[in-house]
Every structure is written in structure tokens, then in C-alpha cells.
PDB file of all heavy atoms in Angstrom:
ATOM      1  N   GLU A   1      -4.111  -2.708   4.757  1.00  0.00           N
ATOM      2  CA  GLU A   1      -3.408  -3.990   4.777  1.00  0.00           C
ATOM      3  C   GLU A   1      -3.886  -4.785   5.994  1.00  0.00           C
ATOM      4  O   GLU A   1      -4.501  -4.234   6.909  1.00  0.00           O
ATOM      5  CB  GLU A   1      -1.888  -3.798   4.851  1.00  0.00           C
ATOM      6  CG  GLU A   1      -1.243  -3.458   3.538  1.00  0.00           C
ATOM      7  CD  GLU A   1      -1.370  -4.528   2.465  1.00  0.00           C
ATOM      8  OE1 GLU A   1      -1.638  -5.709   2.783  1.00  0.00           O
ATOM      9  OE2 GLU A   1      -1.220  -4.178   1.284  1.00  0.00           O
ATOM     10  N   SER A   2      -3.560  -6.065   6.007  1.00  0.00           N
ATOM     11  CA  SER A   2      -3.948  -6.905   7.141  1.00  0.00           C
ATOM     12  C   SER A   2      -2.758  -7.331   7.981  1.00  0.00           C
ATOM     13  O   SER A   2      -2.923  -7.761   9.104  1.00  0.00           O
ATOM     14  CB  SER A   2      -4.690  -8.148   6.641  1.00  0.00           C
ATOM     15  OG  SER A   2      -3.821  -8.930   5.858  1.00  0.00           O
ATOM     16  N   ASP A   3      -1.567  -7.197   7.442  1.00  0.00           N
ATOM     17  CA  ASP A   3      -0.356  -7.631   8.139  1.00  0.00           C
ATOM     18  C   ASP A   3       0.459  -6.411   8.544  1.00  0.00           C
ATOM     19  O   ASP A   3       0.834  -5.601   7.685  1.00  0.00           O
ATOM     20  CB  ASP A   3       0.456  -8.532   7.204  1.00  0.00           C
ATOM     21  CG  ASP A   3       1.686  -9.116   7.870  1.00  0.00           C
ATOM     22  OD1 ASP A   3       2.541  -8.333   8.338  1.00  0.00           O
ATOM     23  OD2 ASP A   3       1.800 -10.347   7.898  1.00  0.00           O
ATOM     24  N   PRO A   4       0.763  -6.269   9.841  1.00  0.00           N
ATOM     25  CA  PRO A   4       1.499  -5.085  10.286  1.00  0.00           C
ATOM     26  C   PRO A   4       2.899  -4.965   9.694  1.00  0.00           C
ATOM     27  O   PRO A   4       3.369  -3.849   9.450  1.00  0.00           O
ATOM     28  CB  PRO A   4       1.555  -5.224  11.807  1.00  0.00           C
ATOM     29  CG  PRO A   4       1.106  -6.594  12.124  1.00  0.00           C
ATOM     30  CD  PRO A   4       0.387  -7.144  10.946  1.00  0.00           C
ATOM     31  N   LEU A   5       3.576  -6.082   9.434  1.00  0.00           N
ATOM     32  CA  LEU A   5       4.913  -6.010   8.834  1.00  0.00           C
ATOM     33  C   LEU A   5       4.848  -5.470   7.411  1.00  0.00           C
ATOM     34  O   LEU A   5       5.661  -4.638   7.010  1.00  0.00           O
ATOM     35  CB  LEU A   5       5.573  -7.391   8.834  1.00  0.00           C
ATOM     36  CG  LEU A   5       5.999  -7.930  10.190  1.00  0.00           C
ATOM     37  CD1 LEU A   5       6.509  -9.360  10.060  1.00  0.00           C
ATOM     38  CD2 LEU A   5       7.057  -7.041  10.810  1.00  0.00           C
ATOM     39  N   ILE A   6       3.867  -5.930   6.654  1.00  0.00           N
ATOM     40  CA  ILE A   6       3.708  -5.447   5.283  1.00  0.00           C
ATOM     41  C   ILE A   6       3.312  -3.976   5.283  1.00  0.00           C
ATOM     42  O   ILE A   6       3.847  -3.170   4.516  1.00  0.00           O
ATOM     43  CB  ILE A   6       2.675  -6.308   4.521  1.00  0.00           C
ATOM     44  CG1 ILE A   6       3.242  -7.718   4.318  1.00  0.00           C
ATOM     45  CG2 ILE A   6       2.312  -5.668   3.187  1.00  0.00           C
ATOM     46  CD1 ILE A   6       2.267  -8.721   3.749  1.00  0.00           C
ATOM     47  N   ALA A   7       2.412  -3.598   6.180  1.00  0.00           N
ATOM     48  CA  ALA A   7       1.985  -2.196   6.272  1.00  0.00           C
ATOM     49  C   ALA A   7       3.166  -1.288   6.591  1.00  0.00           C
ATOM     50  O   ALA A   7       3.323  -0.215   6.002  1.00  0.00           O
ATOM     51  CB  ALA A   7       0.893  -2.049   7.328  1.00  0.00           C
ATOM     52  N   ARG A   8       4.025  -1.716   7.513  1.00  0.00           N
ATOM     53  CA  ARG A   8       5.193  -0.912   7.880  1.00  0.00           C
ATOM     54  C   ARG A   8       6.159  -0.778   6.701  1.00  0.00           C
ATOM     55  O   ARG A   8       6.685   0.296   6.420  1.00  0.00           O
ATOM     56  CB  ARG A   8       5.917  -1.515   9.078  1.00  0.00           C
ATOM     57  CG  ARG A   8       7.082  -0.681   9.560  1.00  0.00           C
ATOM     58  CD  ARG A   8       7.654  -1.235  10.863  1.00  0.00           C
ATOM     59  NE  ARG A   8       8.611  -0.327  11.435  1.00  0.00           N
ATOM     60  CZ  ARG A   8       9.896  -0.274  11.104  1.00  0.00           C
ATOM     61  NH1 ARG A   8      10.370  -1.074  10.181  1.00  0.00           N
ATOM     62  NH2 ARG A   8      10.713   0.578  11.690  1.00  0.00           N
ATOM     63  N   ALA A   9       6.369  -1.883   5.991  1.00  0.00           N
ATOM     64  CA  ALA A   9       7.270  -1.852   4.830  1.00  0.00           C
ATOM     65  C   ALA A   9       6.725  -0.916   3.756  1.00  0.00           C
ATOM     66  O   ALA A   9       7.479  -0.147   3.154  1.00  0.00           O
ATOM     67  CB  ALA A   9       7.451  -3.260   4.275  1.00  0.00           C
ATOM     68  N   GLU A  10       5.422  -0.947   3.522  1.00  0.00           N
ATOM     69  CA  GLU A  10       4.821  -0.078   2.515  1.00  0.00           C
ATOM     70  C   GLU A  10       4.912   1.387   2.929  1.00  0.00           C
ATOM     71  O   GLU A  10       5.173   2.253   2.097  1.00  0.00           O
ATOM     72  CB  GLU A  10       3.372  -0.489   2.257  1.00  0.00           C
ATOM     73  CG  GLU A  10       3.280  -1.796   1.516  1.00  0.00           C
ATOM     74  CD  GLU A  10       1.880  -2.339   1.383  1.00  0.00           C
ATOM     75  OE1 GLU A  10       0.948  -1.817   2.033  1.00  0.00           O
ATOM     76  OE2 GLU A  10       1.718  -3.304   0.620  1.00  0.00           O
ATOM     77  N   ALA A  11       4.708   1.658   4.208  1.00  0.00           N
ATOM     78  CA  ALA A  11       4.810   3.036   4.694  1.00  0.00           C
ATOM     79  C   ALA A  11       6.222   3.576   4.484  1.00  0.00           C
ATOM     80  O   ALA A  11       6.400   4.743   4.114  1.00  0.00           O
ATOM     81  CB  ALA A  11       4.400   3.102   6.163  1.00  0.00           C
ATOM     82  N   LYS A  12       7.240   2.743   4.686  1.00  0.00           N
ATOM     83  CA  LYS A  12       8.622   3.167   4.443  1.00  0.00           C
ATOM     84  C   LYS A  12       8.846   3.486   2.975  1.00  0.00           C
ATOM     85  O   LYS A  12       9.478   4.478   2.632  1.00  0.00           O
ATOM     86  CB  LYS A  12       9.610   2.084   4.899  1.00  0.00           C
ATOM     87  CG  LYS A  12       9.828   2.052   6.392  1.00  0.00           C
ATOM     88  CD  LYS A  12      10.701   0.898   6.806  1.00  0.00           C
ATOM     89  CE  LYS A  12      12.094   0.982   6.275  1.00  0.00           C
ATOM     90  NZ  LYS A  12      12.979  -0.076   6.797  1.00  0.00           N
ATOM     91  N   LEU A  13       8.301   2.642   2.089  1.00  0.00           N
ATOM     92  CA  LEU A  13       8.461   2.871   0.656  1.00  0.00           C
ATOM     93  C   LEU A  13       7.752   4.149   0.219  1.00  0.00           C
ATOM     94  O   LEU A  13       8.237   4.870  -0.656  1.00  0.00           O
ATOM     95  CB  LEU A  13       7.925   1.676  -0.138  1.00  0.00           C
ATOM     96  CG  LEU A  13       8.721   0.376  -0.027  1.00  0.00           C
ATOM     97  CD1 LEU A  13       7.984  -0.764  -0.721  1.00  0.00           C
ATOM     98  CD2 LEU A  13      10.124   0.530  -0.582  1.00  0.00           C
ATOM     99  N   LEU A  14       6.611   4.439   0.826  1.00  0.00           N
ATOM    100  CA  LEU A  14       5.857   5.647   0.483  1.00  0.00           C
ATOM    101  C   LEU A  14       6.665   6.918   0.686  1.00  0.00           C
ATOM    102  O   LEU A  14       6.449   7.919  -0.005  1.00  0.00           O
ATOM    103  CB  LEU A  14       4.581   5.736   1.320  1.00  0.00           C
ATOM    104  CG  LEU A  14       3.400   4.944   0.815  1.00  0.00           C
ATOM    105  CD1 LEU A  14       2.291   4.931   1.853  1.00  0.00           C
ATOM    106  CD2 LEU A  14       2.900   5.511  -0.488  1.00  0.00           C
ATOM    107  N   ASN A  15       7.589   6.888   1.630  1.00  0.00           N
ATOM    108  CA  ASN A  15       8.423   8.060   1.894  1.00  0.00           C
ATOM    109  C   ASN A  15       9.431   8.334   0.789  1.00  0.00           C
ATOM    110  O   ASN A  15      10.067   9.370   0.779  1.00  0.00           O
ATOM    111  CB  ASN A  15       9.178   7.889   3.218  1.00  0.00           C
ATOM    112  CG  ASN A  15       8.254   7.951   4.401  1.00  0.00           C
ATOM    113  OD1 ASN A  15       7.228   8.625   4.380  1.00  0.00           O
ATOM    114  ND2 ASN A  15       8.603   7.221   5.457  1.00  0.00           N
ATOM    115  N   ARG A  16       9.572   7.404  -0.158  1.00  0.00           N
ATOM    116  CA  ARG A  16      10.585   7.523  -1.199  1.00  0.00           C
ATOM    117  C   ARG A  16       9.999   7.917  -2.550  1.00  0.00           C
ATOM    118  O   ARG A  16      10.674   7.839  -3.564  1.00  0.00           O
ATOM    119  CB  ARG A  16      11.368   6.209  -1.346  1.00  0.00           C
ATOM    120  CG  ARG A  16      11.922   5.605  -0.070  1.00  0.00           C
ATOM    121  CD  ARG A  16      12.743   6.500   0.831  1.00  0.00           C
ATOM    122  NE  ARG A  16      13.608   7.425   0.151  1.00  0.00           N
ATOM    123  CZ  ARG A  16      13.986   8.605   0.666  1.00  0.00           C
ATOM    124  NH1 ARG A  16      13.578   8.980   1.846  1.00  0.00           N
ATOM    125  NH2 ARG A  16      14.774   9.404  -0.013  1.00  0.00           N
ATOM    126  N   THR A  17       8.716   8.292  -2.588  1.00  0.00           N
ATOM    127  CA  THR A  17       8.086   8.587  -3.876  1.00  0.00           C
ATOM    128  C   THR A  17       7.213   9.829  -3.820  1.00  0.00           C
ATOM    129  O   THR A  17       6.751  10.235  -2.757  1.00  0.00           O
ATOM    130  CB  THR A  17       7.233   7.388  -4.357  1.00  0.00           C
ATOM    131  OG1 THR A  17       6.804   7.632  -5.696  1.00  0.00           O
ATOM    132  CG2 THR A  17       6.029   7.161  -3.467  1.00  0.00           C
ATOM    133  N   GLU A  18       7.007  10.404  -4.995  1.00  0.00           N
ATOM    134  CA  GLU A  18       6.147  11.578  -5.119  1.00  0.00           C
ATOM    135  C   GLU A  18       4.702  11.179  -5.410  1.00  0.00           C
ATOM    136  O   GLU A  18       3.773  11.801  -4.934  1.00  0.00           O
ATOM    137  CB  GLU A  18       6.643  12.450  -6.286  1.00  0.00           C
ATOM    138  CG  GLU A  18       8.061  12.933  -6.115  1.00  0.00           C
ATOM    139  CD  GLU A  18       8.636  13.473  -7.419  1.00  0.00           C
ATOM    140  OE1 GLU A  18       7.875  13.764  -8.357  1.00  0.00           O
ATOM    141  OE2 GLU A  18       9.870  13.590  -7.489  1.00  0.00           O
ATOM    142  N   ARG A  19       4.516  10.144  -6.212  1.00  0.00           N
ATOM    143  CA  ARG A  19       3.186   9.789  -6.715  1.00  0.00           C
ATOM    144  C   ARG A  19       2.866   8.339  -6.387  1.00  0.00           C
ATOM    145  O   ARG A  19       3.624   7.441  -6.751  1.00  0.00           O
ATOM    146  CB  ARG A  19       3.166  10.011  -8.228  1.00  0.00           C
ATOM    147  CG  ARG A  19       1.853   9.758  -8.867  1.00  0.00           C
ATOM    148  CD  ARG A  19       1.879  10.144 -10.342  1.00  0.00           C
ATOM    149  NE  ARG A  19       0.634   9.719 -10.955  1.00  0.00           N
ATOM    150  CZ  ARG A  19       0.499   9.379 -12.213  1.00  0.00           C
ATOM    151  NH1 ARG A  19       1.539   9.443 -13.027  1.00  0.00           N
ATOM    152  NH2 ARG A  19      -0.661   9.000 -12.684  1.00  0.00           N
ATOM    153  N   LEU A  20       1.729   8.106  -5.721  1.00  0.00           N
ATOM    154  CA  LEU A  20       1.297   6.756  -5.367  1.00  0.00           C
ATOM    155  C   LEU A  20       0.190   6.306  -6.313  1.00  0.00           C
ATOM    156  O   LEU A  20      -0.843   6.970  -6.437  1.00  0.00           O
ATOM    157  CB  LEU A  20       0.798   6.705  -3.927  1.00  0.00           C
ATOM    158  CG  LEU A  20       0.205   5.367  -3.477  1.00  0.00           C
ATOM    159  CD1 LEU A  20       1.239   4.239  -3.585  1.00  0.00           C
ATOM    160  CD2 LEU A  20      -0.325   5.482  -2.054  1.00  0.00           C
ATOM    161  N   ILE A  21       0.419   5.164  -6.945  1.00  0.00           N
ATOM    162  CA  ILE A  21      -0.551   4.563  -7.853  1.00  0.00           C
ATOM    163  C   ILE A  21      -0.950   3.216  -7.251  1.00  0.00           C
ATOM    164  O   ILE A  21      -0.112   2.334  -7.078  1.00  0.00           O
ATOM    165  CB  ILE A  21       0.041   4.387  -9.264  1.00  0.00           C
ATOM    166  CG1 ILE A  21       0.493   5.761  -9.800  1.00  0.00           C
ATOM    167  CG2 ILE A  21      -0.958   3.709 -10.191  1.00  0.00           C
ATOM    168  CD1 ILE A  21       1.395   5.701 -10.994  1.00  0.00           C
ATOM    169  N   VAL A  22      -2.228   3.083  -6.898  1.00  0.00           N
ATOM    170  CA  VAL A  22      -2.725   1.879  -6.238  1.00  0.00           C
ATOM    171  C   VAL A  22      -3.413   0.995  -7.265  1.00  0.00           C
ATOM    172  O   VAL A  22      -4.279   1.450  -8.012  1.00  0.00           O
ATOM    173  CB  VAL A  22      -3.694   2.240  -5.084  1.00  0.00           C
ATOM    174  CG1 VAL A  22      -4.206   0.979  -4.403  1.00  0.00           C
ATOM    175  CG2 VAL A  22      -2.999   3.139  -4.069  1.00  0.00           C
ATOM    176  N   LEU A  23      -3.005  -0.275  -7.299  1.00  0.00           N
ATOM    177  CA  LEU A  23      -3.540  -1.258  -8.241  1.00  0.00           C
ATOM    178  C   LEU A  23      -4.429  -2.223  -7.469  1.00  0.00           C
ATOM    179  O   LEU A  23      -3.935  -3.013  -6.672  1.00  0.00           O
ATOM    180  CB  LEU A  23      -2.406  -2.032  -8.916  1.00  0.00           C
ATOM    181  CG  LEU A  23      -1.225  -1.215  -9.442  1.00  0.00           C
ATOM    182  CD1 LEU A  23      -0.168  -2.133 -10.053  1.00  0.00           C
ATOM    183  CD2 LEU A  23      -1.675  -0.170 -10.432  1.00  0.00           C
ATOM    184  N   VAL A  24      -5.745  -2.132  -7.699  1.00  0.00           N
ATOM    185  CA  VAL A  24      -6.677  -2.975  -6.957  1.00  0.00           C
ATOM    186  C   VAL A  24      -7.797  -3.467  -7.878  1.00  0.00           C
ATOM    187  O   VAL A  24      -8.398  -2.686  -8.588  1.00  0.00           O
ATOM    188  CB  VAL A  24      -7.301  -2.239  -5.751  1.00  0.00           C
ATOM    189  CG1 VAL A  24      -6.295  -2.087  -4.625  1.00  0.00           C
ATOM    190  CG2 VAL A  24      -7.867  -0.884  -6.139  1.00  0.00           C
ATOM    191  N   ASP A  25      -8.043  -4.768  -7.834  1.00  0.00           N
ATOM    192  CA  ASP A  25      -9.192  -5.267  -8.580  1.00  0.00           C
ATOM    193  C   ASP A  25     -10.455  -4.952  -7.784  1.00  0.00           C
ATOM    194  O   ASP A  25     -10.384  -4.555  -6.616  1.00  0.00           O
ATOM    195  CB  ASP A  25      -9.054  -6.764  -8.895  1.00  0.00           C
ATOM    196  CG  ASP A  25      -9.119  -7.634  -7.661  1.00  0.00           C
ATOM    197  OD1 ASP A  25     -10.182  -7.666  -7.011  1.00  0.00           O
ATOM    198  OD2 ASP A  25      -8.106  -8.298  -7.348  1.00  0.00           O
ATOM    199  N   SER A  26     -11.603  -5.119  -8.416  1.00  0.00           N
ATOM    200  CA  SER A  26     -12.866  -4.689  -7.815  1.00  0.00           C
ATOM    201  C   SER A  26     -13.183  -5.386  -6.497  1.00  0.00           C
ATOM    202  O   SER A  26     -13.891  -4.828  -5.659  1.00  0.00           O
ATOM    203  CB  SER A  26     -14.013  -4.876  -8.805  1.00  0.00           C
ATOM    204  OG  SER A  26     -14.060  -6.199  -9.287  1.00  0.00           O
ATOM    205  N   SER A  27     -12.651  -6.568  -6.263  1.00  0.00           N
ATOM    206  CA  SER A  27     -12.908  -7.258  -4.995  1.00  0.00           C
ATOM    207  C   SER A  27     -12.259  -6.542  -3.808  1.00  0.00           C
ATOM    208  O   SER A  27     -12.657  -6.752  -2.658  1.00  0.00           O
ATOM    209  CB  SER A  27     -12.410  -8.704  -5.056  1.00  0.00           C
ATOM    210  OG  SER A  27     -10.991  -8.747  -5.014  1.00  0.00           O
ATOM    211  N   LYS A  28     -11.273  -5.691  -4.056  1.00  0.00           N
ATOM    212  CA  LYS A  28     -10.541  -5.014  -2.972  1.00  0.00           C
ATOM    213  C   LYS A  28     -11.300  -3.817  -2.398  1.00  0.00           C
ATOM    214  O   LYS A  28     -10.837  -3.183  -1.462  1.00  0.00           O
ATOM    215  CB  LYS A  28      -9.172  -4.555  -3.461  1.00  0.00           C
ATOM    216  CG  LYS A  28      -8.312  -5.660  -4.047  1.00  0.00           C
ATOM    217  CD  LYS A  28      -7.860  -6.642  -3.005  1.00  0.00           C
ATOM    218  CE  LYS A  28      -7.062  -7.773  -3.594  1.00  0.00           C
ATOM    219  NZ  LYS A  28      -5.652  -7.640  -3.519  1.00  0.00           N
ATOM    220  N   PHE A  29     -12.472  -3.499  -2.957  1.00  0.00           N
ATOM    221  CA  PHE A  29     -13.250  -2.379  -2.444  1.00  0.00           C
ATOM    222  C   PHE A  29     -14.167  -2.790  -1.303  1.00  0.00           C
ATOM    223  O   PHE A  29     -14.878  -1.966  -0.755  1.00  0.00           O
ATOM    224  CB  PHE A  29     -14.060  -1.726  -3.574  1.00  0.00           C
ATOM    225  CG  PHE A  29     -13.194  -0.932  -4.516  1.00  0.00           C
ATOM    226  CD1 PHE A  29     -12.708  -1.490  -5.681  1.00  0.00           C
ATOM    227  CD2 PHE A  29     -12.861   0.376  -4.220  1.00  0.00           C
ATOM    228  CE1 PHE A  29     -11.910  -0.761  -6.545  1.00  0.00           C
ATOM    229  CE2 PHE A  29     -12.051   1.118  -5.080  1.00  0.00           C
ATOM    230  CZ  PHE A  29     -11.581   0.547  -6.241  1.00  0.00           C
ATOM    231  N   ARG A  30     -14.141  -4.055  -0.923  1.00  0.00           N
ATOM    232  CA  ARG A  30     -14.900  -4.509   0.244  1.00  0.00           C
ATOM    233  C   ARG A  30     -14.064  -4.235   1.484  1.00  0.00           C
ATOM    234  O   ARG A  30     -12.876  -4.561   1.526  1.00  0.00           O
ATOM    235  CB  ARG A  30     -15.200  -6.003   0.145  1.00  0.00           C
ATOM    236  CG  ARG A  30     -16.334  -6.301  -0.810  1.00  0.00           C
ATOM    237  CD  ARG A  30     -16.678  -7.777  -0.818  1.00  0.00           C
ATOM    238  NE  ARG A  30     -16.125  -8.311  -2.077  1.00  0.00           N
ATOM    239  CZ  ARG A  30     -15.302  -9.330  -2.162  1.00  0.00           C
ATOM    240  NH1 ARG A  30     -14.906  -9.963  -1.095  1.00  0.00           N
ATOM    241  NH2 ARG A  30     -14.868  -9.735  -3.335  1.00  0.00           N
TER     242      ARG A  30
END
């Protein structure tokens, strides 16, 4: 991520799940 607030919020959400599914179009691999 590029924004620390968004990164922190996502890290908190990650603690609440078993399986992470990342949705990224091909431009996000740069």
C-alpha cells in the first residue's frame, strides 16, 4: 500500500480472517 492509514486498517482486518484473497489487475504487479 502507499498510505500508512490504509495499510494499518488492512493489517487489522487481516487478523480477523483465515484466508486472504487479493484482487489485483495486471497493472498492480509493477
